[in-house]
Every structure is written in C-alpha cells, then in structure tokens.
Protein backbone atom coordinates (compact mmCIF):
# COMPACT_ATOMS: atom_id res chain seq x y z
CA MET A 1 -173.08 -71.83 21.24
CA ASP A 2 -169.94 -73.25 23.04
CA THR A 3 -169.08 -76.86 22.90
CA VAL A 4 -168.19 -78.90 26.00
CA ALA A 5 -164.64 -79.29 24.84
CA THR A 6 -164.00 -75.51 25.11
CA ARG A 7 -165.09 -75.23 28.72
CA THR A 8 -163.14 -75.94 31.91
CA LYS A 9 -164.25 -78.33 34.59
CA ASN A 10 -165.97 -75.58 36.59
CA GLY A 11 -167.82 -74.43 33.48
CA ALA A 12 -165.80 -71.28 32.87
CA HIS A 13 -164.60 -70.43 29.38
CA PRO A 14 -160.81 -70.58 29.29
CA THR A 15 -160.51 -67.11 27.82
CA ILE A 16 -162.74 -65.48 30.42
CA GLY A 17 -160.79 -66.48 33.47
CA GLY A 18 -160.58 -69.22 36.07
CA GLY A 19 -159.47 -71.83 33.43
CA ASP A 20 -156.36 -73.93 33.42
CA LEU A 21 -155.45 -73.50 29.75
CA SER A 22 -152.48 -71.37 28.61
CA SER A 23 -153.19 -68.22 26.56
CA SER A 24 -152.05 -69.93 23.37
CA GLU A 25 -154.14 -72.99 24.02
CA ALA A 26 -157.11 -70.77 24.78
CA ALA A 27 -156.66 -68.87 21.52
CA MET A 28 -156.51 -72.15 19.59
CA ALA A 29 -159.67 -73.38 21.31
CA THR A 30 -161.50 -70.16 20.57
CA LYS A 31 -160.41 -70.29 16.87
CA SER A 32 -161.58 -73.92 16.55
CA ASN A 33 -164.95 -72.86 17.91
CA GLN A 34 -165.54 -70.21 15.26
CA ALA A 35 -168.40 -70.74 12.88
CA HIS A 36 -167.66 -71.67 9.26
CA ARG A 37 -170.29 -71.32 6.60
CA SER A 38 -170.87 -73.35 3.44
CA GLY A 39 -174.06 -72.16 1.70
CA ALA A 40 -176.81 -72.57 4.28
CA VAL A 41 -174.74 -74.89 6.45
CA VAL A 42 -173.04 -73.53 9.63
CA MET A 43 -170.25 -75.60 11.16
CA ARG A 44 -167.95 -75.29 14.17
CA GLY A 45 -164.78 -77.25 14.75
CA ALA A 46 -161.81 -78.26 12.64
CA GLU A 47 -163.88 -79.31 9.60
CA GLN A 48 -164.21 -76.78 6.88
CA ARG A 49 -165.82 -76.84 3.51
CA PRO A 50 -165.04 -74.56 0.55
CA THR A 51 -167.46 -71.68 0.02
CA GLU A 52 -169.85 -71.79 -2.95
CA ASP A 53 -167.76 -69.07 -4.62
CA GLN A 54 -164.56 -71.03 -4.15
CA GLN A 55 -166.15 -74.06 -5.79
CA LEU A 56 -167.64 -72.01 -8.62
CA LEU A 57 -164.28 -70.39 -9.44
CA GLN A 58 -162.13 -73.42 -8.96
CA GLU A 59 -159.91 -74.14 -11.96
CA GLY A 60 -160.01 -77.55 -13.55
CA ALA A 61 -163.42 -78.46 -12.20
CA ASP A 62 -165.04 -81.68 -13.50
CA ALA A 63 -167.17 -80.78 -16.52
CA SER A 64 -169.09 -84.11 -16.64
CA PHE A 65 -172.13 -82.32 -15.09
CA LEU A 66 -172.73 -80.81 -18.55
CA LYS A 67 -174.02 -84.13 -19.69
CA THR A 68 -176.42 -84.77 -16.78
CA ASP A 69 -180.23 -84.55 -17.14
CA THR A 70 -180.28 -81.88 -14.34
CA TRP A 71 -178.07 -79.58 -16.41
CA ARG A 72 -180.11 -80.35 -19.56
CA ALA A 73 -183.28 -79.42 -17.62
CA LEU A 74 -181.76 -76.05 -16.74
CA ARG A 75 -180.65 -75.54 -20.43
CA ILE A 76 -184.22 -76.33 -21.60
CA MET A 77 -185.70 -73.89 -19.07
CA GLY A 78 -183.31 -71.28 -20.28
CA GLU A 79 -184.43 -71.73 -23.84
CA PHE A 80 -188.00 -71.37 -22.82
CA VAL A 81 -187.28 -68.14 -20.91
CA GLU A 82 -185.31 -66.65 -23.83
CA GLY A 83 -188.05 -67.59 -26.24
CA PHE A 84 -190.81 -66.11 -24.14
CA ASP A 85 -188.81 -62.92 -23.56
CA ALA A 86 -188.14 -62.48 -27.29
CA LEU A 87 -191.58 -63.24 -28.64
CA ALA A 88 -194.00 -62.03 -25.98
CA GLY A 89 -194.28 -58.56 -27.52
CA ILE A 90 -194.61 -59.36 -31.23
CA GLY A 91 -198.41 -59.14 -31.27
CA PRO A 92 -200.72 -61.29 -33.43
CA ALA A 93 -198.76 -63.72 -35.59
CA VAL A 94 -199.11 -66.50 -38.13
CA SER A 95 -196.76 -69.47 -38.32
CA VAL A 96 -195.81 -70.64 -41.80
CA PHE A 97 -194.40 -74.04 -42.65
CA GLY A 98 -193.20 -75.81 -45.76
CA SER A 99 -190.31 -77.37 -47.57
CA ALA A 100 -186.79 -76.04 -47.09
CA ARG A 101 -185.76 -77.61 -50.43
CA ILE A 102 -187.60 -75.46 -52.96
CA GLY A 103 -185.98 -72.65 -54.94
CA ARG A 104 -187.14 -69.10 -55.49
CA SER A 105 -188.66 -69.92 -58.90
CA ASP A 106 -191.07 -72.43 -57.30
CA PRO A 107 -194.79 -71.33 -57.41
CA SER A 108 -195.08 -72.21 -53.68
CA TYR A 109 -192.27 -69.81 -52.93
CA ARG A 110 -194.09 -66.92 -54.67
CA MET A 111 -197.35 -67.82 -53.00
CA ALA A 112 -195.85 -67.95 -49.58
CA ARG A 113 -194.15 -64.62 -50.04
CA THR A 114 -197.38 -62.98 -51.21
CA LEU A 115 -199.35 -64.49 -48.36
CA ALA A 116 -196.85 -63.24 -45.77
CA ARG A 117 -196.68 -59.73 -47.35
CA LYS A 118 -200.48 -59.43 -47.18
CA LEU A 119 -200.68 -60.74 -43.65
CA ALA A 120 -198.05 -58.26 -42.54
CA LYS A 121 -200.06 -55.48 -44.07
CA HIS A 122 -202.92 -56.65 -41.82
CA GLY A 123 -200.68 -56.33 -38.76
CA TYR A 124 -199.50 -59.88 -38.34
CA ALA A 125 -195.98 -60.99 -37.49
CA ILE A 126 -194.70 -63.94 -39.53
CA ILE A 127 -193.07 -66.84 -37.69
CA THR A 128 -191.06 -69.50 -39.53
CA GLY A 129 -188.25 -71.97 -38.84
CA GLY A 130 -185.86 -69.37 -40.16
CA GLY A 131 -184.35 -71.53 -42.89
CA PRO A 132 -184.45 -71.56 -46.66
CA GLY A 133 -187.32 -72.45 -49.07
CA ILE A 134 -190.83 -71.71 -47.89
CA MET A 135 -189.44 -70.30 -44.63
CA GLU A 136 -187.28 -67.74 -46.53
CA ALA A 137 -190.24 -66.86 -48.75
CA ALA A 138 -192.53 -66.17 -45.82
CA ASN A 139 -189.85 -64.21 -43.92
CA ARG A 140 -189.17 -62.24 -47.08
CA GLY A 141 -192.86 -61.44 -47.55
CA GLY A 142 -193.27 -60.45 -43.96
CA ARG A 143 -190.37 -57.95 -44.24
CA ASP A 144 -191.79 -56.71 -47.60
CA GLY A 145 -195.05 -55.95 -45.80
CA GLY A 146 -193.30 -54.03 -42.97
CA GLY A 147 -194.11 -56.68 -40.38
CA VAL A 148 -192.03 -58.50 -37.78
CA SER A 149 -190.25 -61.41 -39.54
CA VAL A 150 -189.41 -64.08 -36.93
CA GLY A 151 -187.08 -67.05 -37.52
CA CYS A 152 -186.88 -69.85 -34.91
CA ASN A 153 -183.92 -71.90 -36.17
CA ILE A 154 -182.96 -75.31 -34.89
CA GLU A 155 -179.55 -76.90 -34.24
CA LEU A 156 -179.07 -79.73 -36.76
CA PRO A 157 -176.20 -82.08 -37.69
CA PHE A 158 -175.80 -80.14 -40.94
CA GLU A 159 -175.61 -76.31 -40.99
CA GLN A 160 -178.88 -74.40 -41.44
CA GLY A 161 -178.39 -70.72 -40.75
CA LEU A 162 -181.04 -68.07 -40.49
CA ASN A 163 -182.11 -66.64 -43.82
CA GLU A 164 -181.38 -63.09 -44.64
CA TYR A 165 -184.99 -61.81 -44.31
CA VAL A 166 -185.39 -62.64 -40.60
CA THR A 167 -185.59 -59.45 -38.44
CA LEU A 168 -186.01 -61.32 -35.14
CA GLY A 169 -184.17 -64.57 -34.91
CA MET A 170 -183.50 -67.30 -32.35
CA GLU A 171 -181.39 -70.42 -32.32
CA PHE A 172 -182.86 -73.48 -30.42
CA ARG A 173 -181.23 -76.74 -29.34
CA TYR A 174 -184.44 -78.56 -28.69
CA PHE A 175 -187.29 -79.17 -31.16
CA PHE A 176 -190.02 -79.22 -28.55
CA VAL A 177 -189.00 -75.74 -27.21
CA ARG A 178 -189.04 -74.42 -30.76
CA LYS A 179 -192.49 -76.02 -31.41
CA THR A 180 -193.88 -74.34 -28.36
CA MET A 181 -192.92 -70.94 -29.78
CA PHE A 182 -194.66 -71.80 -33.08
CA VAL A 183 -197.84 -72.62 -31.31
CA LYS A 184 -197.95 -70.23 -28.35
CA TYR A 185 -197.55 -67.06 -30.36
CA ALA A 186 -199.60 -67.96 -33.49
CA GLU A 187 -203.21 -67.29 -34.28
CA ALA A 188 -203.07 -69.48 -37.39
CA PHE A 189 -200.95 -72.05 -39.19
CA CYS A 190 -200.33 -71.80 -42.92
CA ILE A 191 -198.80 -75.00 -44.34
CA PHE A 192 -197.33 -75.27 -47.75
CA PRO A 193 -196.14 -78.48 -49.41
CA GLY A 194 -193.23 -80.04 -47.54
CA GLY A 195 -191.68 -83.22 -46.13
CA PHE A 196 -191.55 -84.92 -42.80
CA GLY A 197 -190.85 -81.73 -40.79
CA THR A 198 -193.92 -80.06 -42.37
CA PHE A 199 -196.07 -83.22 -41.67
CA ASP A 200 -194.86 -83.13 -38.07
CA GLU A 201 -196.00 -79.53 -37.62
CA LEU A 202 -199.29 -80.18 -39.35
CA PHE A 203 -200.33 -83.21 -37.38
CA GLU A 204 -199.14 -81.76 -34.05
CA ALA A 205 -201.31 -78.74 -34.67
CA LEU A 206 -204.31 -80.90 -35.61
CA THR A 207 -203.76 -83.09 -32.51
CA LEU A 208 -203.58 -80.06 -30.19
CA ILE A 209 -206.82 -78.69 -31.61
CA GLN A 210 -208.59 -82.04 -31.65
CA THR A 211 -207.67 -82.75 -28.01
CA GLY A 212 -208.57 -79.21 -26.83
CA LYS A 213 -204.99 -78.35 -25.79
CA VAL A 214 -205.13 -75.13 -27.79
CA GLN A 215 -208.00 -72.89 -28.82
CA HIS A 216 -209.28 -73.78 -32.21
CA PHE A 217 -207.38 -71.63 -34.65
CA PRO A 218 -207.21 -71.85 -38.45
CA VAL A 219 -204.92 -74.43 -40.07
CA VAL A 220 -204.70 -73.66 -43.81
CA LEU A 221 -203.12 -76.11 -46.29
CA PHE A 222 -201.87 -74.57 -49.55
CA GLY A 223 -201.88 -76.81 -52.61
CA THR A 224 -205.01 -78.78 -53.25
CA LYS A 225 -203.24 -81.21 -55.59
CA TYR A 226 -200.43 -81.81 -53.14
CA TRP A 227 -202.62 -82.62 -50.16
CA GLU A 228 -205.37 -84.42 -52.12
CA GLY A 229 -203.96 -87.92 -51.75
CA LEU A 230 -203.44 -87.56 -48.02
CA ILE A 231 -206.89 -86.26 -47.37
CA ASP A 232 -208.53 -88.92 -49.55
CA TRP A 233 -206.58 -91.60 -47.57
CA MET A 234 -207.71 -90.02 -44.31
CA LYS A 235 -211.34 -90.17 -45.43
CA ALA A 236 -211.20 -93.63 -46.93
CA ARG A 237 -209.17 -95.37 -44.26
CA VAL A 238 -208.79 -93.38 -41.04
CA LEU A 239 -212.35 -91.98 -40.93
CA GLU A 240 -213.92 -95.14 -42.40
CA GLU A 241 -212.26 -97.29 -39.71
CA GLY A 242 -213.49 -94.95 -36.93
CA LYS A 243 -210.07 -93.71 -35.94
CA ILE A 244 -211.06 -90.09 -36.33
CA SER A 245 -214.44 -88.34 -36.23
CA PRO A 246 -216.07 -86.55 -39.19
CA GLU A 247 -215.70 -83.19 -37.47
CA ASP A 248 -211.91 -83.81 -37.25
CA LEU A 249 -211.73 -83.28 -41.00
CA THR A 250 -213.24 -79.81 -40.63
CA ILE A 251 -210.49 -78.32 -38.48
CA PHE A 252 -208.40 -77.40 -41.46
CA THR A 253 -208.94 -75.60 -44.83
CA VAL A 254 -207.39 -76.60 -48.13
CA THR A 255 -206.93 -73.91 -50.78
CA ASP A 256 -204.81 -72.48 -53.58
CA ASP A 257 -206.10 -68.98 -52.96
CA VAL A 258 -204.04 -66.55 -50.78
CA ASP A 259 -207.02 -64.20 -50.29
CA GLU A 260 -209.26 -67.06 -49.18
CA ALA A 261 -206.71 -68.03 -46.57
CA ILE A 262 -206.44 -64.49 -45.34
CA ASP A 263 -210.26 -64.16 -45.09
CA VAL A 264 -210.31 -67.33 -42.93
CA ILE A 265 -207.63 -66.00 -40.59
CA LEU A 266 -209.21 -62.52 -40.28
CA ALA A 267 -212.69 -63.98 -39.66
CA HIS A 268 -211.32 -66.15 -36.81
CA HIS A 269 -209.46 -63.13 -35.38
CA GLN A 270 -212.73 -61.11 -35.30
CA MET A 271 -214.57 -64.01 -33.72
CA HIS A 272 -211.86 -64.29 -31.09
CA LEU A 273 -212.10 -60.55 -30.27
CA ALA A 274 -215.91 -60.87 -29.95
CA GLU A 275 -215.49 -63.78 -27.52
CA LEU A 276 -213.04 -61.69 -25.48
CA ASP A 277 -215.50 -58.75 -25.41
CA GLY A 278 -218.28 -61.11 -24.41
CA GLY A 279 -216.17 -62.49 -21.56
CA ARG A 280 -215.42 -58.99 -20.20
CA ALA A 281 -219.06 -58.02 -20.31
CA MET A 282 -220.10 -61.00 -18.14
C-alpha cells in the first residue's frame, strides 16, 4: 500500500510518470516505502528494527534475562521435557529412598541392594536420587539383577555426583521436577531409614495418596525399629487429635522382610492390571 507522501498532487506515483519529482528523488521515495519486517511486524518508512536473527546473534547482549522468572520457567519446562523423554520408556519401576550417609557395611545397604536385585528380576526398573548410601545400594542391586538403574541427581551446594551403578542418569536443578519423576514413573515407594530428605519423600507420597492426587500405590517402610517411634507418635497425637483418619495409617506397610515387600508390590501390580482389563471390557 502506498502512503500519501509518495504520491503526486494528481495521484500519480512519481516513478510511473506524470510526477514532478526527479529520478533520484523518486528512487529515494520508493526505497523509503519498502516494507521492513521484524518478526511478525511489517513497517514502511525510515524506521527499521533489527531482525530477530540479528538480535539473537548480537555480541555483548545483556545477560540479565537469565535471572528472570520467565527464563526460569523455560528452564523448568526444559527439565520436565528432558525427564519425560528419558524415563517414558523404562517400564514399571520402583522408587527407593533412604540415607546418603550410610556405608556399604550397613545392614540397610545390604537389604536395599537385595531388594532392588529381586525387583529387577521381576522386571522392575529401579529409580533413586543417584547419590551414595541407600541410593547406591539400590542402583547396584538393580544393575545386579539386569534391570534399568535410574539415578535422578540434584544440584546441591556441595558436590554429589551420580554413583557408579547408575545406567540411566539425569541431573536436575529443581527439586520439584526431580520429585515428579520419582512419582510419575513409580509403581511403589520403598523407603529405608534416612533423614530430612527421606522424610520429605515419605510424607509427600502419603499426602498425594491421601488426597487422591495419585493412584494408591504401595509405600513400604523398611526398619520396624527405626520407624516405630514416628508411627507411635502419629497414632498417639496426630490420630488421637483427629488430624488424620484411621485409614490414613493403612496406606503404608512397615517391614524388615524383603520378600514381604516384594509380595506387596507384585500383588498391587496384579490388581492394577485386573482393573485395566476390567476397564477395557466395559
């Protein structure tokens, strides 16, 4: 579309004929009327904006955008996409939690390794936080059993690399993205004695089950002596004061027996398959 400024008084374009502009003036007028694009914006006239490629490749660009919430949102989305891509094909899995501070001679280490090895023999992938202690034991057992041994590591102020027994590892910046991977791809949680991080995973799982955010899946606590005081307190104070319901104390199993835990997990898996078959038949 021509602008008024590029037409003569009689409406003729100066380059077409009948105008009173010189050839050089007409050429300049035509050039100033050319369209300039910047993304989806089209402009005519003297004003020009740099193209998106020019801005992208410009040297010395301001890097302050890296600290904005918009950029963080994109980074968070990227972590979700990478996590989903990496774990979507691992098949049925069990997430194992527990202390990073125990050594290989600890009875809990041996129990976690045995549990993971037997679960792998049943076709389960093993998911852990990828660190030392119980996480290493479970990853080691998963690899012993020929299963996929997943480690979802987290960026911390102190260095915590992936243990040597991880066969599929990821590094996360954000705890909540990492937690989503633990829950989304697990059919059960097995929780060994641990500290605040272990408690966090335990109570988040119980809350998601209690509120119906996830399908009820087994939560198995290993170490009856270790968890005894916590469970007694929950019964004597939390339940007694009406802050939880009696059925809330039935959504987890406490044991010292690896085979009992596996039986609970396998029974739930069979029940889940039966529900799926029933749903298809309807």
